[in-house]
Amino acid sequence: MAKLIFGCGYLGLRVARLWRSAGHPVYAVTRSADRAAKLAAAGLEPIVADLPAEAQIPIPQGVRTVLFAVGHDRTAAHSIHDVYVRGLAQAMDALPESVERLIYISSTGVYSYASGEEVDERSPCHPRREGGKASLAAEQLLSSSRFASRAIILRLAGLYGPGRIPRSADLIAGRPIDAPAYGWLNLIHVDDAAQIVLLVEQRASPPQTYVVSDGRPVQRADYYAELARLLGAPLPEFATPPADSPAAARAASDKRINPKKIFADLQLSLLYPDYRTGLAAIVSLAGIKPAPGTQ
């Protein structure tokens, strides 16, 4: 069955590879001709279109599953609301009726809790940051569209994996982390997130909304201490970021994601069940050199 991905990036490309390895044709929408050439070399069928600017998107008939995993490029001309909301609207306008599943990658940023509260699918959404507001608006658009009965919304916690371990250079250099030492981090390894996309396609009964994390929240100080240990770096130091900075806005969110529903519905078993196993695999794969004098 043919698959279609809007946003074939860090997560989307991994999903595409899993679908291709299972023998499915995969179409991928990208705004870049250079990116299209790379996707074609990986065995995908690229479609060049710039959401939300493109007037028409040439979507082939017969597509059964759609993954919308578009991220916001801060260097692009479009606002995050335009990309997430107008882009999704334009994508849905172009989709054929053959689509049986539309999987939308949202964010736990739709919640705004700051006192370590436990959060699940039933928790009220009152986002404060623009990314969370745009994600929630896109969810609401999807839930009122012709694809509402075919929709699966995945609210992902912090995505990490190979090539994405923020602050490793700072830790090795002994530079402070511009965030409070205490506050919960909620994570999901990118390879587990990709597997979850395939599992919700196969096992979930739409419409559904799931929060997605490994279910093992970790205090920021413990996370960076473990990463420093793996890197052979000094123990982390923390510094309060400026009140009006993006780092301060991120740090203001303090919640614990409870993904019990998706674990039960999908009979989920993770490749990387907590941050320790995930970080160990990433650092080993990256071959990062320890800081001089720390071994």
Protein backbone atom coordinates (compact mmCIF):
# COMPACT_ATOMS: atom_id res chain seq x y z
CA MET A 1 0.00 0.00 0.00
CA ALA A 2 1.32 3.43 -0.94
CA LYS A 3 2.43 5.80 1.83
CA LEU A 4 2.88 9.57 1.77
CA ILE A 5 5.01 11.71 4.08
CA PHE A 6 4.87 15.46 4.50
CA GLY A 7 8.10 16.39 6.27
CA CYS A 8 10.60 13.64 5.54
CA GLY A 9 13.16 14.84 8.08
CA TYR A 10 14.63 13.49 11.30
CA LEU A 11 11.59 11.35 12.14
CA GLY A 12 9.90 11.12 8.75
CA LEU A 13 12.93 9.66 6.98
CA ARG A 14 13.17 6.86 9.52
CA VAL A 15 9.49 6.06 9.04
CA ALA A 16 10.04 6.09 5.26
CA ARG A 17 12.88 3.58 5.57
CA LEU A 18 10.75 1.25 7.67
CA TRP A 19 7.92 1.40 5.14
CA ARG A 20 10.33 0.86 2.24
CA SER A 21 11.92 -2.14 3.96
CA ALA A 22 8.41 -3.61 4.28
CA GLY A 23 7.97 -3.27 0.51
CA HIS A 24 5.67 -0.23 0.37
CA PRO A 25 6.06 2.57 -2.17
CA VAL A 26 6.68 5.83 -0.29
CA TYR A 27 6.06 9.34 -1.60
CA ALA A 28 7.71 12.25 0.22
CA VAL A 29 6.79 15.92 -0.07
CA THR A 30 9.75 18.29 0.25
CA ARG A 31 10.25 21.97 -0.55
CA SER A 32 13.83 21.50 -1.77
CA ALA A 33 14.94 20.14 -5.14
CA ASP A 34 18.27 19.15 -3.59
CA ARG A 35 16.46 17.28 -0.84
CA ALA A 36 14.25 15.64 -3.45
CA ALA A 37 17.33 14.22 -5.18
CA LYS A 38 18.56 12.74 -1.91
CA LEU A 39 15.15 11.21 -1.17
CA ALA A 40 15.07 9.68 -4.67
CA ALA A 41 18.52 8.19 -4.10
CA ALA A 42 17.11 6.59 -0.92
CA GLY A 43 14.40 4.86 -2.95
CA LEU A 44 11.55 7.28 -2.25
CA GLU A 45 9.28 9.09 -4.72
CA PRO A 46 9.80 12.82 -4.05
CA ILE A 47 7.16 15.49 -4.64
CA VAL A 48 8.50 19.06 -4.61
CA ALA A 49 6.05 21.48 -3.01
CA ASP A 50 6.50 24.37 -0.58
CA LEU A 51 3.81 24.28 2.10
CA PRO A 52 1.86 26.48 2.51
CA ALA A 53 2.86 28.51 -0.57
CA GLU A 54 2.22 25.88 -3.25
CA ALA A 55 -1.04 26.38 -5.14
CA GLN A 56 -1.47 22.70 -5.97
CA ILE A 57 0.25 19.56 -4.72
CA PRO A 58 0.35 16.63 -7.16
CA ILE A 59 -0.63 13.74 -4.89
CA PRO A 60 -0.90 10.33 -6.58
CA GLN A 61 -4.10 8.35 -6.29
CA GLY A 62 -4.13 5.18 -4.21
CA VAL A 63 -2.25 6.54 -1.15
CA ARG A 64 -3.53 4.73 1.95
CA THR A 65 -1.51 6.22 4.83
CA VAL A 66 -0.32 9.80 5.29
CA LEU A 67 2.20 11.00 7.85
CA PHE A 68 2.27 14.76 8.47
CA ALA A 69 5.53 15.43 10.33
CA VAL A 70 6.39 18.90 9.08
CA GLY A 71 8.76 20.93 11.21
CA HIS A 72 9.24 24.68 11.19
CA ASP A 73 12.31 26.00 9.43
CA ARG A 74 13.13 29.27 11.20
CA THR A 75 15.07 30.47 8.13
CA ALA A 76 12.02 30.13 5.89
CA ALA A 77 9.59 32.93 5.12
CA HIS A 78 6.54 31.23 6.64
CA SER A 79 5.48 31.55 10.28
CA ILE A 80 5.09 28.45 12.42
CA HIS A 81 1.30 28.90 12.34
CA ASP A 82 1.35 29.07 8.55
CA VAL A 83 3.43 25.91 8.25
CA TYR A 84 1.56 23.84 10.83
CA VAL A 85 -2.01 25.01 10.23
CA ARG A 86 -2.25 26.42 6.71
CA GLY A 87 0.19 23.77 5.52
CA LEU A 88 -1.94 20.97 6.96
CA ALA A 89 -5.09 22.49 5.45
CA GLN A 90 -3.45 22.65 2.03
CA ALA A 91 -2.17 19.08 2.35
CA MET A 92 -5.62 17.76 3.28
CA ASP A 93 -7.20 19.62 0.35
CA ALA A 94 -4.87 17.70 -1.99
CA LEU A 95 -5.35 14.25 -0.47
CA PRO A 96 -7.40 11.62 -2.31
CA GLU A 97 -10.31 9.79 -0.70
CA SER A 98 -8.25 6.59 -0.74
CA VAL A 99 -6.48 7.77 2.48
CA GLU A 100 -7.39 5.47 5.38
CA ARG A 101 -5.03 6.86 8.05
CA LEU A 102 -3.76 10.39 8.56
CA ILE A 103 -1.12 10.42 11.29
CA TYR A 104 -0.34 13.90 12.59
CA ILE A 105 2.84 14.53 14.59
CA SER A 106 1.98 17.04 17.31
CA SER A 107 3.78 17.94 20.52
CA THR A 108 3.39 17.77 24.27
CA GLY A 109 3.94 21.51 23.97
CA VAL A 110 0.14 21.75 23.71
CA TYR A 111 0.20 21.46 27.52
CA SER A 112 1.52 24.22 29.77
CA TYR A 113 2.14 22.86 33.25
CA ALA A 114 4.88 24.26 35.45
CA SER A 115 4.73 22.39 38.77
CA GLY A 116 5.65 18.85 37.80
CA GLU A 117 2.04 17.72 37.20
CA GLU A 118 1.33 14.37 35.57
CA VAL A 119 -0.17 14.84 32.08
CA ASP A 120 -2.04 12.47 29.79
CA GLU A 121 -4.52 12.68 26.90
CA ARG A 122 -7.30 13.90 29.19
CA SER A 123 -5.36 16.89 30.54
CA PRO A 124 -6.52 20.36 29.44
CA CYS A 125 -4.49 22.06 26.71
CA HIS A 126 -3.49 25.68 27.30
CA PRO A 127 -0.27 26.21 25.35
CA ARG A 128 1.79 29.33 25.97
CA ARG A 129 4.53 29.03 23.37
CA GLU A 130 3.88 29.61 19.67
CA GLY A 131 4.83 26.06 18.70
CA GLY A 132 2.31 24.59 21.12
CA LYS A 133 -0.39 27.00 19.98
CA ALA A 134 0.20 26.14 16.32
CA SER A 135 0.24 22.39 17.06
CA LEU A 136 -3.05 22.59 18.94
CA ALA A 137 -4.65 24.67 16.17
CA ALA A 138 -3.55 22.07 13.63
CA GLU A 139 -5.01 19.27 15.78
CA GLN A 140 -8.32 21.12 15.96
CA LEU A 141 -8.32 21.67 12.20
CA LEU A 142 -7.71 17.97 11.59
CA SER A 143 -10.41 16.96 14.07
CA SER A 144 -13.00 19.05 12.20
CA SER A 145 -11.91 17.99 8.70
CA ARG A 146 -13.15 15.27 6.35
CA PHE A 147 -10.31 13.13 7.73
CA ALA A 148 -11.42 13.43 11.36
CA SER A 149 -12.61 9.83 11.56
CA ARG A 150 -9.32 8.62 10.05
CA ALA A 151 -6.98 10.74 12.18
CA ILE A 152 -4.36 9.65 14.70
CA ILE A 153 -2.66 12.46 16.62
CA LEU A 154 0.68 11.74 18.28
CA ARG A 155 1.76 14.32 20.86
CA LEU A 156 5.48 13.61 21.03
CA ALA A 157 7.70 14.42 23.98
CA GLY A 158 11.27 15.58 23.38
CA LEU A 159 12.73 13.70 20.43
CA TYR A 160 16.35 12.61 20.75
CA GLY A 161 18.64 10.18 18.95
CA PRO A 162 21.72 9.96 16.71
CA GLY A 163 22.91 13.42 15.77
CA ARG A 164 20.56 15.03 18.27
CA ILE A 165 22.07 15.18 21.75
CA PRO A 166 21.96 18.88 22.57
CA ARG A 167 24.62 20.36 24.85
CA SER A 168 27.20 17.64 24.36
CA ALA A 169 29.75 20.20 23.12
CA ASP A 170 28.95 22.47 26.08
CA LEU A 171 29.44 19.62 28.53
CA ILE A 172 32.76 18.57 27.00
CA ALA A 173 33.97 22.19 27.09
CA GLY A 174 32.75 22.69 30.66
CA ARG A 175 30.29 25.42 29.70
CA PRO A 176 27.18 25.82 31.89
CA ILE A 177 23.74 24.70 30.72
CA ASP A 178 21.40 27.71 30.43
CA ALA A 179 18.50 26.10 32.29
CA PRO A 180 17.53 25.29 35.89
CA ALA A 181 19.01 22.10 37.29
CA TYR A 182 15.59 20.87 38.34
CA GLY A 183 12.56 20.35 36.16
CA TRP A 184 11.23 17.24 34.42
CA LEU A 185 12.37 16.21 30.93
CA ASN A 186 10.11 13.88 28.91
CA LEU A 187 11.80 12.02 26.08
CA ILE A 188 11.27 9.52 23.29
CA HIS A 189 14.07 8.08 21.15
CA VAL A 190 13.58 8.78 17.43
CA ASP A 191 13.81 5.08 16.52
CA ASP A 192 11.05 4.27 19.00
CA ALA A 193 8.95 7.15 17.66
CA ALA A 194 9.32 5.77 14.12
CA GLN A 195 8.26 2.30 15.25
CA ILE A 196 5.26 3.84 17.02
CA VAL A 197 4.11 5.49 13.78
CA LEU A 198 3.98 2.07 12.12
CA LEU A 199 2.26 0.50 15.11
CA VAL A 200 -0.51 3.10 15.27
CA GLU A 201 -1.06 2.59 11.56
CA GLN A 202 -1.49 -1.14 12.14
CA ARG A 203 -3.12 -1.37 15.58
CA ALA A 204 -4.82 1.90 16.54
CA SER A 205 -8.50 2.50 15.80
CA PRO A 206 -8.96 6.11 14.69
CA PRO A 207 -9.82 8.69 15.69
CA GLN A 208 -7.22 8.62 18.44
CA THR A 209 -4.96 11.03 20.29
CA TYR A 210 -1.92 9.72 22.16
CA VAL A 211 0.80 11.29 24.26
CA VAL A 212 4.12 9.67 23.37
CA SER A 213 7.12 9.38 25.66
CA ASP A 214 9.18 6.58 27.14
CA GLY A 215 7.21 7.02 30.38
CA ARG A 216 10.40 7.66 32.38
CA PRO A 217 10.57 11.41 33.10
CA VAL A 218 13.99 12.52 34.31
CA GLN A 219 15.17 15.57 36.19
CA ARG A 220 17.32 17.83 34.04
CA ALA A 221 20.28 17.58 36.44
CA ASP A 222 20.22 13.76 36.31
CA TYR A 223 19.93 13.69 32.52
CA TYR A 224 22.94 15.93 31.97
CA ALA A 225 24.94 14.21 34.68
CA GLU A 226 24.49 10.90 32.88
CA LEU A 227 25.35 12.45 29.52
CA ALA A 228 28.48 14.00 31.05
CA ARG A 229 29.48 10.62 32.47
CA LEU A 230 29.13 8.96 29.07
CA LEU A 231 31.12 11.73 27.41
CA GLY A 232 33.84 11.69 30.04
CA ALA A 233 33.05 15.35 30.68
CA PRO A 234 32.96 17.36 33.92
CA LEU A 235 29.77 17.31 35.95
CA PRO A 236 27.32 19.83 34.50
CA GLU A 237 26.80 23.31 35.87
CA PHE A 238 23.59 25.24 35.34
CA ALA A 239 22.87 28.93 34.85
CA THR A 240 19.54 30.75 34.91
CA PRO A 241 18.75 31.92 31.37
CA PRO A 242 17.51 35.48 30.65
CA ALA A 243 13.81 35.75 31.46
CA ASP A 244 12.84 36.67 27.88
CA SER A 245 14.94 33.98 26.16
CA PRO A 246 13.69 30.85 24.35
CA ALA A 247 15.69 28.77 26.86
CA ALA A 248 13.70 30.31 29.73
CA ALA A 249 10.42 29.61 27.93
CA ARG A 250 11.39 25.96 27.47
CA ALA A 251 12.54 25.64 31.07
CA ALA A 252 9.23 27.05 32.35
CA SER A 253 7.49 23.86 31.27
CA ASP A 254 7.66 21.29 34.07
CA LYS A 255 5.39 18.25 33.68
CA ARG A 256 5.51 14.47 33.67
CA ILE A 257 4.02 12.77 30.61
CA ASN A 258 2.07 9.56 31.31
CA PRO A 259 1.89 7.45 28.11
CA LYS A 260 0.00 4.55 29.71
CA LYS A 261 -2.72 4.62 27.05
CA ILE A 262 -0.43 4.09 24.06
CA PHE A 263 1.57 1.38 25.86
CA ALA A 264 -1.66 -0.51 26.55
CA ASP A 265 -3.31 -0.01 23.17
CA LEU A 266 -0.25 -0.91 21.10
CA GLN A 267 1.27 -3.51 23.48
CA LEU A 268 4.31 -1.31 23.18
CA SER A 269 7.86 -2.43 23.92
CA LEU A 270 10.54 0.19 23.39
CA LEU A 271 14.01 -0.27 21.94
CA TYR A 272 15.26 2.41 24.37
CA PRO A 273 13.03 2.28 27.47
CA ASP A 274 14.76 5.17 29.26
CA TYR A 275 17.23 7.97 28.69
CA ARG A 276 20.18 5.95 30.00
CA THR A 277 19.90 3.22 27.37
CA GLY A 278 19.16 5.78 24.67
CA LEU A 279 22.08 8.05 25.50
CA ALA A 280 24.52 5.15 25.80
CA ALA A 281 23.63 3.93 22.31
CA ILE A 282 23.83 7.42 20.80
CA VAL A 283 27.19 8.31 22.34
CA SER A 284 28.63 4.93 21.33
CA LEU A 285 27.41 5.37 17.76
CA ALA A 286 28.67 8.94 17.53
CA GLY A 287 32.16 8.04 18.75
CA ILE A 288 32.42 11.39 20.60
CA LYS A 289 35.87 11.95 22.08
CA PRO A 290 35.97 12.62 25.84
CA ALA A 291 37.22 15.96 27.05
CA PRO A 292 41.03 16.13 27.50
CA GLY A 293 42.12 15.13 30.99
CA THR A 294 38.78 13.61 31.99
CA GLN A 295 39.56 9.94 31.44
